[in-house]
């Protein structure tokens, strides 16, 4: 389905909540819900929401890593691995 078929008024959500829930579970494609002709909310499955949150967390970690590299907050891999092995007794 295309996004244009998933733009519905809030009255559709109220009348078809169970159907929408089943569709979200089946195909994961979010709905854009309008109110008074304007986009008001996005309704998505829990699985899709969790995936979005995981993606955002990963992007935040990458941004922080990039910032650390730019500020010279890095460790030498060879020394770091040697220290880890020493701590673990390997």
PDB file of N, CA and C in Angstrom:
ATOM      1  N   UNK A   1       0.842  -1.199   0.000  1.00  0.00           N
ATOM      2  CA  UNK A   1       0.000   0.000   0.000  1.00  0.00           C
ATOM      3  C   UNK A   1       0.875   1.247   0.000  1.00  0.00           C
ATOM      4  N   UNK A   2       0.365   2.279  -0.598  1.00  0.00           N
ATOM      5  CA  UNK A   2       1.108   3.534  -0.609  1.00  0.00           C
ATOM      6  C   UNK A   2       0.658   4.410   0.546  1.00  0.00           C
ATOM      7  N   UNK A   3       1.483   5.366   0.870  1.00  0.00           N
ATOM      8  CA  UNK A   3       1.185   6.264   1.985  1.00  0.00           C
ATOM      9  C   UNK A   3      -0.140   6.996   1.781  1.00  0.00           C
ATOM     10  N   UNK A   4      -0.460   7.335   0.552  1.00  0.00           N
ATOM     11  CA  UNK A   4      -1.692   8.081   0.299  1.00  0.00           C
ATOM     12  C   UNK A   4      -2.945   7.307   0.696  1.00  0.00           C
ATOM     13  N   UNK A   5      -2.874   5.979   0.691  1.00  0.00           N
ATOM     14  CA  UNK A   5      -4.032   5.190   1.110  1.00  0.00           C
ATOM     15  C   UNK A   5      -4.107   5.063   2.626  1.00  0.00           C
ATOM     16  N   UNK A   6      -3.084   5.517   3.318  1.00  0.00           N
ATOM     17  CA  UNK A   6      -3.040   5.451   4.773  1.00  0.00           C
ATOM     18  C   UNK A   6      -3.220   6.823   5.431  1.00  0.00           C
ATOM     19  N   UNK A   7      -3.797   7.752   4.716  1.00  0.00           N
ATOM     20  CA  UNK A   7      -4.149   9.050   5.290  1.00  0.00           C
ATOM     21  C   UNK A   7      -5.654   9.029   5.509  1.00  0.00           C
ATOM     22  N   UNK A   8      -6.047   9.063   6.761  1.00  0.00           N
ATOM     23  CA  UNK A   8      -7.463   8.920   7.097  1.00  0.00           C
ATOM     24  C   UNK A   8      -7.872   9.970   8.128  1.00  0.00           C
ATOM     25  N   UNK A   9      -9.151  10.366   8.098  1.00  0.00           N
ATOM     26  CA  UNK A   9      -9.651  11.293   9.125  1.00  0.00           C
ATOM     27  C   UNK A   9      -9.808  10.570  10.468  1.00  0.00           C
ATOM     28  N   UNK A  10      -9.836  11.325  11.523  1.00  0.00           N
ATOM     29  CA  UNK A  10      -9.945  10.753  12.862  1.00  0.00           C
ATOM     30  C   UNK A  10     -11.231   9.945  13.016  1.00  0.00           C
ATOM     31  N   UNK A  11     -12.268  10.311  12.300  1.00  0.00           N
ATOM     32  CA  UNK A  11     -13.519   9.551  12.366  1.00  0.00           C
ATOM     33  C   UNK A  11     -13.317   8.118  11.848  1.00  0.00           C
ATOM     34  N   UNK A  12     -12.458   7.954  10.838  1.00  0.00           N
ATOM     35  CA  UNK A  12     -12.154   6.621  10.323  1.00  0.00           C
ATOM     36  C   UNK A  12     -11.433   5.797  11.388  1.00  0.00           C
ATOM     37  N   UNK A  13     -10.500   6.424  12.088  1.00  0.00           N
ATOM     38  CA  UNK A  13      -9.792   5.734  13.166  1.00  0.00           C
ATOM     39  C   UNK A  13     -10.761   5.279  14.249  1.00  0.00           C
ATOM     40  N   UNK A  14     -11.677   6.157  14.622  1.00  0.00           N
ATOM     41  CA  UNK A  14     -12.655   5.818  15.667  1.00  0.00           C
ATOM     42  C   UNK A  14     -13.538   4.644  15.239  1.00  0.00           C
ATOM     43  N   UNK A  15     -13.961   4.654  13.994  1.00  0.00           N
ATOM     44  CA  UNK A  15     -14.887   3.627  13.503  1.00  0.00           C
ATOM     45  C   UNK A  15     -14.196   2.314  13.134  1.00  0.00           C
ATOM     46  N   UNK A  16     -12.892   2.358  12.873  1.00  0.00           N
ATOM     47  CA  UNK A  16     -12.192   1.177  12.358  1.00  0.00           C
ATOM     48  C   UNK A  16     -10.927   0.836  13.140  1.00  0.00           C
ATOM     49  N   UNK A  17     -10.929   1.102  14.429  1.00  0.00           N
ATOM     50  CA  UNK A  17      -9.720   0.905  15.231  1.00  0.00           C
ATOM     51  C   UNK A  17      -9.213  -0.535  15.166  1.00  0.00           C
ATOM     52  N   UNK A  18     -10.091  -1.506  15.288  1.00  0.00           N
ATOM     53  CA  UNK A  18      -9.670  -2.910  15.261  1.00  0.00           C
ATOM     54  C   UNK A  18      -9.082  -3.280  13.896  1.00  0.00           C
ATOM     55  N   UNK A  19      -9.710  -2.806  12.831  1.00  0.00           N
ATOM     56  CA  UNK A  19      -9.215  -3.076  11.478  1.00  0.00           C
ATOM     57  C   UNK A  19      -7.831  -2.459  11.282  1.00  0.00           C
ATOM     58  N   UNK A  20      -7.674  -1.230  11.730  1.00  0.00           N
ATOM     59  CA  UNK A  20      -6.383  -0.545  11.600  1.00  0.00           C
ATOM     60  C   UNK A  20      -5.318  -1.285  12.408  1.00  0.00           C
ATOM     61  N   UNK A  21      -5.659  -1.700  13.619  1.00  0.00           N
ATOM     62  CA  UNK A  21      -4.705  -2.441  14.453  1.00  0.00           C
ATOM     63  C   UNK A  21      -4.244  -3.716  13.752  1.00  0.00           C
ATOM     64  N   UNK A  22      -5.169  -4.426  13.140  1.00  0.00           N
ATOM     65  CA  UNK A  22      -4.829  -5.659  12.422  1.00  0.00           C
ATOM     66  C   UNK A  22      -3.924  -5.363  11.224  1.00  0.00           C
ATOM     67  N   UNK A  23      -4.232  -4.306  10.495  1.00  0.00           N
ATOM     68  CA  UNK A  23      -3.411  -3.941   9.340  1.00  0.00           C
ATOM     69  C   UNK A  23      -2.008  -3.518   9.773  1.00  0.00           C
ATOM     70  N   UNK A  24      -1.927  -2.775  10.862  1.00  0.00           N
ATOM     71  CA  UNK A  24      -0.620  -2.344  11.353  1.00  0.00           C
ATOM     72  C   UNK A  24       0.229  -3.546  11.739  1.00  0.00           C
ATOM     73  N   UNK A  25      -0.404  -4.523  12.358  1.00  0.00           N
ATOM     74  CA  UNK A  25       0.303  -5.735  12.755  1.00  0.00           C
ATOM     75  C   UNK A  25       0.758  -6.527  11.531  1.00  0.00           C
ATOM     76  N   UNK A  26      -0.093  -6.559  10.520  1.00  0.00           N
ATOM     77  CA  UNK A  26       0.186  -7.357   9.325  1.00  0.00           C
ATOM     78  C   UNK A  26       1.256  -6.743   8.433  1.00  0.00           C
ATOM     79  N   UNK A  27       1.118  -5.457   8.117  1.00  0.00           N
ATOM     80  CA  UNK A  27       2.064  -4.873   7.156  1.00  0.00           C
ATOM     81  C   UNK A  27       2.953  -3.782   7.736  1.00  0.00           C
ATOM     82  N   UNK A  28       2.659  -3.319   8.929  1.00  0.00           N
ATOM     83  CA  UNK A  28       3.523  -2.358   9.597  1.00  0.00           C
ATOM     84  C   UNK A  28       3.495  -0.947   9.046  1.00  0.00           C
ATOM     85  N   UNK A  29       2.690  -0.710   8.026  1.00  0.00           N
ATOM     86  CA  UNK A  29       2.657   0.618   7.418  1.00  0.00           C
ATOM     87  C   UNK A  29       1.797   1.564   8.267  1.00  0.00           C
ATOM     88  N   UNK A  30       2.373   2.666   8.674  1.00  0.00           N
ATOM     89  CA  UNK A  30       1.711   3.607   9.574  1.00  0.00           C
ATOM     90  C   UNK A  30       0.563   4.350   8.889  1.00  0.00           C
ATOM     91  N   UNK A  31      -0.331   4.849   9.710  1.00  0.00           N
ATOM     92  CA  UNK A  31      -1.431   5.692   9.244  1.00  0.00           C
ATOM     93  C   UNK A  31      -1.180   7.132   9.683  1.00  0.00           C
ATOM     94  N   UNK A  32      -1.494   8.049   8.802  1.00  0.00           N
ATOM     95  CA  UNK A  32      -1.512   9.464   9.161  1.00  0.00           C
ATOM     96  C   UNK A  32      -2.972   9.815   9.386  1.00  0.00           C
ATOM     97  N   UNK A  33      -3.260  10.307  10.579  1.00  0.00           N
ATOM     98  CA  UNK A  33      -4.634  10.642  10.946  1.00  0.00           C
ATOM     99  C   UNK A  33      -4.787  12.153  10.904  1.00  0.00           C
ATOM    100  N   UNK A  34      -5.856  12.589  10.224  1.00  0.00           N
ATOM    101  CA  UNK A  34      -6.103  14.022  10.103  1.00  0.00           C
ATOM    102  C   UNK A  34      -7.249  14.440  11.010  1.00  0.00           C
ATOM    103  N   UNK A  35      -7.210  15.700  11.382  1.00  0.00           N
ATOM    104  CA  UNK A  35      -8.291  16.292  12.155  1.00  0.00           C
ATOM    105  C   UNK A  35      -8.524  17.680  11.574  1.00  0.00           C
ATOM    106  N   UNK A  36      -9.752  17.941  11.216  1.00  0.00           N
ATOM    107  CA  UNK A  36     -10.101  19.203  10.558  1.00  0.00           C
ATOM    108  C   UNK A  36      -9.256  19.449   9.314  1.00  0.00           C
ATOM    109  N   UNK A  37      -8.974  18.366   8.580  1.00  0.00           N
ATOM    110  CA  UNK A  37      -8.256  18.481   7.312  1.00  0.00           C
ATOM    111  C   UNK A  37      -6.752  18.604   7.423  1.00  0.00           C
ATOM    112  N   UNK A  38      -6.204  18.596   8.632  1.00  0.00           N
ATOM    113  CA  UNK A  38      -4.762  18.723   8.811  1.00  0.00           C
ATOM    114  C   UNK A  38      -4.208  17.485   9.509  1.00  0.00           C
ATOM    115  N   UNK A  39      -2.985  17.133   9.168  1.00  0.00           N
ATOM    116  CA  UNK A  39      -2.342  15.993   9.819  1.00  0.00           C
ATOM    117  C   UNK A  39      -2.268  16.249  11.321  1.00  0.00           C
ATOM    118  N   UNK A  40      -2.735  15.277  12.114  1.00  0.00           N
ATOM    119  CA  UNK A  40      -2.761  15.442  13.563  1.00  0.00           C
ATOM    120  C   UNK A  40      -1.901  14.419  14.288  1.00  0.00           C
ATOM    121  N   UNK A  41      -1.790  13.209  13.726  1.00  0.00           N
ATOM    122  CA  UNK A  41      -1.012  12.170  14.400  1.00  0.00           C
ATOM    123  C   UNK A  41      -0.625  11.075  13.438  1.00  0.00           C
ATOM    124  N   UNK A  42       0.311  10.268  13.899  1.00  0.00           N
ATOM    125  CA  UNK A  42       0.719   9.069  13.171  1.00  0.00           C
ATOM    126  C   UNK A  42       0.415   7.888  14.073  1.00  0.00           C
ATOM    127  N   UNK A  43      -0.226   6.881  13.521  1.00  0.00           N
ATOM    128  CA  UNK A  43      -0.533   5.663  14.260  1.00  0.00           C
ATOM    129  C   UNK A  43       0.294   4.554  13.622  1.00  0.00           C
ATOM    130  N   UNK A  44       1.083   3.875  14.468  1.00  0.00           N
ATOM    131  CA  UNK A  44       1.918   2.808  13.949  1.00  0.00           C
ATOM    132  C   UNK A  44       1.920   1.632  14.919  1.00  0.00           C
ATOM    133  N   UNK A  45       2.367   0.491  14.434  1.00  0.00           N
ATOM    134  CA  UNK A  45       2.410  -0.704  15.275  1.00  0.00           C
ATOM    135  C   UNK A  45       3.495  -0.554  16.335  1.00  0.00           C
ATOM    136  N   UNK A  46       3.366  -1.327  17.394  1.00  0.00           N
ATOM    137  CA  UNK A  46       4.371  -1.312  18.453  1.00  0.00           C
ATOM    138  C   UNK A  46       5.713  -1.774  17.897  1.00  0.00           C
ATOM    139  N   UNK A  47       5.695  -2.793  17.063  1.00  0.00           N
ATOM    140  CA  UNK A  47       6.943  -3.303  16.481  1.00  0.00           C
ATOM    141  C   UNK A  47       7.652  -2.220  15.669  1.00  0.00           C
ATOM    142  N   UNK A  48       6.879  -1.492  14.884  1.00  0.00           N
ATOM    143  CA  UNK A  48       7.453  -0.420  14.068  1.00  0.00           C
ATOM    144  C   UNK A  48       7.972   0.707  14.952  1.00  0.00           C
ATOM    145  N   UNK A  49       7.234   1.028  16.004  1.00  0.00           N
ATOM    146  CA  UNK A  49       7.661   2.062  16.947  1.00  0.00           C
ATOM    147  C   UNK A  49       8.978   1.662  17.617  1.00  0.00           C
ATOM    148  N   UNK A  50       9.065   0.412  18.070  1.00  0.00           N
ATOM    149  CA  UNK A  50      10.292  -0.061  18.713  1.00  0.00           C
ATOM    150  C   UNK A  50      11.472  -0.012  17.755  1.00  0.00           C
ATOM    151  N   UNK A  51      11.238  -0.390  16.508  1.00  0.00           N
ATOM    152  CA  UNK A  51      12.310  -0.343  15.511  1.00  0.00           C
ATOM    153  C   UNK A  51      12.764   1.099  15.290  1.00  0.00           C
ATOM    154  N   UNK A  52      11.818   2.018  15.238  1.00  0.00           N
ATOM    155  CA  UNK A  52      12.148   3.434  15.076  1.00  0.00           C
ATOM    156  C   UNK A  52      12.984   3.930  16.250  1.00  0.00           C
ATOM    157  N   UNK A  53      12.591   3.545  17.465  1.00  0.00           N
ATOM    158  CA  UNK A  53      13.330   3.962  18.656  1.00  0.00           C
ATOM    159  C   UNK A  53      14.741   3.390  18.661  1.00  0.00           C
ATOM    160  N   UNK A  54      14.892   2.137  18.253  1.00  0.00           N
ATOM    161  CA  UNK A  54      16.220   1.529  18.169  1.00  0.00           C
ATOM    162  C   UNK A  54      17.085   2.238  17.139  1.00  0.00           C
ATOM    163  N   UNK A  55      16.489   2.600  16.011  1.00  0.00           N
ATOM    164  CA  UNK A  55      17.220   3.322  14.976  1.00  0.00           C
ATOM    165  C   UNK A  55      17.673   4.680  15.489  1.00  0.00           C
ATOM    166  N   UNK A  56      16.781   5.388  16.171  1.00  0.00           N
ATOM    167  CA  UNK A  56      17.148   6.691  16.737  1.00  0.00           C
ATOM    168  C   UNK A  56      18.266   6.561  17.758  1.00  0.00           C
ATOM    169  N   UNK A  57      18.200   5.532  18.602  1.00  0.00           N
ATOM    170  CA  UNK A  57      19.252   5.315  19.594  1.00  0.00           C
ATOM    171  C   UNK A  57      20.594   5.062  18.907  1.00  0.00           C
ATOM    172  N   UNK A  58      20.579   4.252  17.847  1.00  0.00           N
ATOM    173  CA  UNK A  58      21.811   3.973  17.113  1.00  0.00           C
ATOM    174  C   UNK A  58      22.361   5.244  16.465  1.00  0.00           C
ATOM    175  N   UNK A  59      21.492   6.051  15.885  1.00  0.00           N
ATOM    176  CA  UNK A  59      21.938   7.305  15.277  1.00  0.00           C
ATOM    177  C   UNK A  59      22.530   8.252  16.318  1.00  0.00           C
ATOM    178  N   UNK A  60      21.937   8.283  17.514  1.00  0.00           N
ATOM    179  CA  UNK A  60      22.488   9.111  18.597  1.00  0.00           C
ATOM    180  C   UNK A  60      23.876   8.628  19.000  1.00  0.00           C
ATOM    181  N   UNK A  61      24.045   7.298  19.091  1.00  0.00           N
ATOM    182  CA  UNK A  61      25.360   6.757  19.440  1.00  0.00           C
ATOM    183  C   UNK A  61      26.394   7.088  18.370  1.00  0.00           C
ATOM    184  N   UNK A  62      25.994   6.995  17.105  1.00  0.00           N
ATOM    185  CA  UNK A  62      26.911   7.327  16.024  1.00  0.00           C
ATOM    186  C   UNK A  62      27.290   8.804  16.055  1.00  0.00           C
ATOM    187  N   UNK A  63      26.306   9.662  16.324  1.00  0.00           N
ATOM    188  CA  UNK A  63      26.584  11.101  16.408  1.00  0.00           C
ATOM    189  C   UNK A  63      27.536  11.395  17.565  1.00  0.00           C
ATOM    190  N   UNK A  64      27.327  10.733  18.709  1.00  0.00           N
ATOM    191  CA  UNK A  64      28.206  10.920  19.859  1.00  0.00           C
ATOM    192  C   UNK A  64      29.605  10.412  19.545  1.00  0.00           C
ATOM    193  N   UNK A  65      29.701   9.279  18.865  1.00  0.00           N
ATOM    194  CA  UNK A  65      31.001   8.733  18.485  1.00  0.00           C
ATOM    195  C   UNK A  65      31.743   9.686  17.562  1.00  0.00           C
ATOM    196  N   UNK A  66      31.016  10.243  16.602  1.00  0.00           N
ATOM    197  CA  UNK A  66      31.609  11.200  15.675  1.00  0.00           C
ATOM    198  C   UNK A  66      32.126  12.428  16.430  1.00  0.00           C
ATOM    199  N   UNK A  67      31.337  12.888  17.376  1.00  0.00           N
ATOM    200  CA  UNK A  67      31.729  14.044  18.197  1.00  0.00           C
ATOM    201  C   UNK A  67      32.985  13.723  19.010  1.00  0.00           C
ATOM    202  N   UNK A  68      33.024  12.519  19.605  1.00  0.00           N
ATOM    203  CA  UNK A  68      34.194  12.102  20.383  1.00  0.00           C
ATOM    204  C   UNK A  68      35.450  12.065  19.517  1.00  0.00           C
ATOM    205  N   UNK A  69      35.331  11.525  18.304  1.00  0.00           N
ATOM    206  CA  UNK A  69      36.475  11.462  17.395  1.00  0.00           C
ATOM    207  C   UNK A  69      36.952  12.870  17.062  1.00  0.00           C
ATOM    208  N   UNK A  70      36.031  13.767  16.777  1.00  0.00           N
ATOM    209  CA  UNK A  70      36.404  15.147  16.432  1.00  0.00           C
ATOM    210  C   UNK A  70      37.104  15.848  17.587  1.00  0.00           C
ATOM    211  N   UNK A  71      36.764  15.472  18.822  1.00  0.00           N
ATOM    212  CA  UNK A  71      37.372  16.088  19.999  1.00  0.00           C
ATOM    213  C   UNK A  71      38.566  15.293  20.530  1.00  0.00           C
ATOM    214  N   UNK A  72      38.993  14.287  19.770  1.00  0.00           N
ATOM    215  CA  UNK A  72      40.164  13.513  20.145  1.00  0.00           C
ATOM    216  C   UNK A  72      39.943  12.565  21.312  1.00  0.00           C
ATOM    217  N   UNK A  73      38.703  12.278  21.644  1.00  0.00           N
ATOM    218  CA  UNK A  73      38.397  11.363  22.743  1.00  0.00           C
ATOM    219  C   UNK A  73      38.368   9.932  22.203  1.00  0.00           C
ATOM    220  N   UNK A  74      39.545   9.443  21.854  1.00  0.00           N
ATOM    221  CA  UNK A  74      39.661   8.107  21.287  1.00  0.00           C
ATOM    222  C   UNK A  74      40.741   7.333  22.031  1.00  0.00           C
ATOM    223  N   UNK A  75      40.674   6.023  21.941  1.00  0.00           N
ATOM    224  CA  UNK A  75      41.668   5.149  22.544  1.00  0.00           C
ATOM    225  C   UNK A  75      42.289   4.292  21.456  1.00  0.00           C
ATOM    226  N   UNK A  76      43.547   3.991  21.618  1.00  0.00           N
ATOM    227  CA  UNK A  76      44.251   3.113  20.696  1.00  0.00           C
ATOM    228  C   UNK A  76      43.684   1.699  20.835  1.00  0.00           C
ATOM    229  N   UNK A  77      43.264   1.103  19.743  1.00  0.00           N
ATOM    230  CA  UNK A  77      42.621  -0.215  19.770  1.00  0.00           C
ATOM    231  C   UNK A  77      43.556  -1.291  20.313  1.00  0.00           C
ATOM    232  N   UNK A  78      44.822  -1.259  19.902  1.00  0.00           N
ATOM    233  CA  UNK A  78      45.767  -2.293  20.327  1.00  0.00           C
ATOM    234  C   UNK A  78      45.945  -2.263  21.849  1.00  0.00           C
ATOM    235  N   UNK A  79      46.143  -1.077  22.409  1.00  0.00           N
ATOM    236  CA  UNK A  79      46.312  -0.945  23.861  1.00  0.00           C
ATOM    237  C   UNK A  79      45.026  -1.275  24.608  1.00  0.00           C
ATOM    238  N   UNK A  80      43.906  -0.856  24.076  1.00  0.00           N
ATOM    239  CA  UNK A  80      42.623  -1.119  24.721  1.00  0.00           C
ATOM    240  C   UNK A  80      42.348  -2.612  24.782  1.00  0.00           C
ATOM    241  N   UNK A  81      42.570  -3.320  23.678  1.00  0.00           N
ATOM    242  CA  UNK A  81      42.371  -4.773  23.662  1.00  0.00           C
ATOM    243  C   UNK A  81      43.339  -5.473  24.616  1.00  0.00           C
ATOM    244  N   UNK A  82      44.568  -5.006  24.668  1.00  0.00           N
ATOM    245  CA  UNK A  82      45.553  -5.593  25.591  1.00  0.00           C
ATOM    246  C   UNK A  82      45.108  -5.410  27.037  1.00  0.00           C
ATOM    247  N   UNK A  83      44.591  -4.218  27.358  1.00  0.00           N
ATOM    248  CA  UNK A  83      44.103  -3.951  28.716  1.00  0.00           C
ATOM    249  C   UNK A  83      42.900  -4.819  29.056  1.00  0.00           C
ATOM    250  N   UNK A  84      41.997  -5.001  28.116  1.00  0.00           N
ATOM    251  CA  UNK A  84      40.822  -5.864  28.344  1.00  0.00           C
ATOM    252  C   UNK A  84      41.246  -7.308  28.574  1.00  0.00           C
ATOM    253  N   UNK A  85      42.176  -7.778  27.762  1.00  0.00           N
ATOM    254  CA  UNK A  85      42.674  -9.154  27.914  1.00  0.00           C
ATOM    255  C   UNK A  85      43.346  -9.330  29.274  1.00  0.00           C
ATOM    256  N   UNK A  86      44.105  -8.330  29.684  1.00  0.00           N
ATOM    257  CA  UNK A  86      44.796  -8.387  30.971  1.00  0.00           C
ATOM    258  C   UNK A  86      43.774  -8.453  32.114  1.00  0.00           C
ATOM    259  N   UNK A  87      42.718  -7.619  32.032  1.00  0.00           N
ATOM    260  CA  UNK A  87      41.671  -7.628  33.072  1.00  0.00           C
ATOM    261  C   UNK A  87      40.938  -8.951  33.129  1.00  0.00           C
ATOM    262  N   UNK A  88      40.739  -9.570  31.988  1.00  0.00           N
ATOM    263  CA  UNK A  88      40.004 -10.826  31.916  1.00  0.00           C
ATOM    264  C   UNK A  88      40.899 -12.051  32.140  1.00  0.00           C
ATOM    265  N   UNK A  89      42.183 -11.815  32.194  1.00  0.00           N
ATOM    266  CA  UNK A  89      43.114 -12.916  32.397  1.00  0.00           C
ATOM    267  C   UNK A  89      43.281 -13.788  31.171  1.00  0.00           C
ATOM    268  N   UNK A  90      43.142 -13.189  30.017  1.00  0.00           N
ATOM    269  CA  UNK A  90      43.257 -13.956  28.762  1.00  0.00           C
ATOM    270  C   UNK A  90      44.649 -13.826  28.207  1.00  0.00           C
TER     271      UNK A  90
END
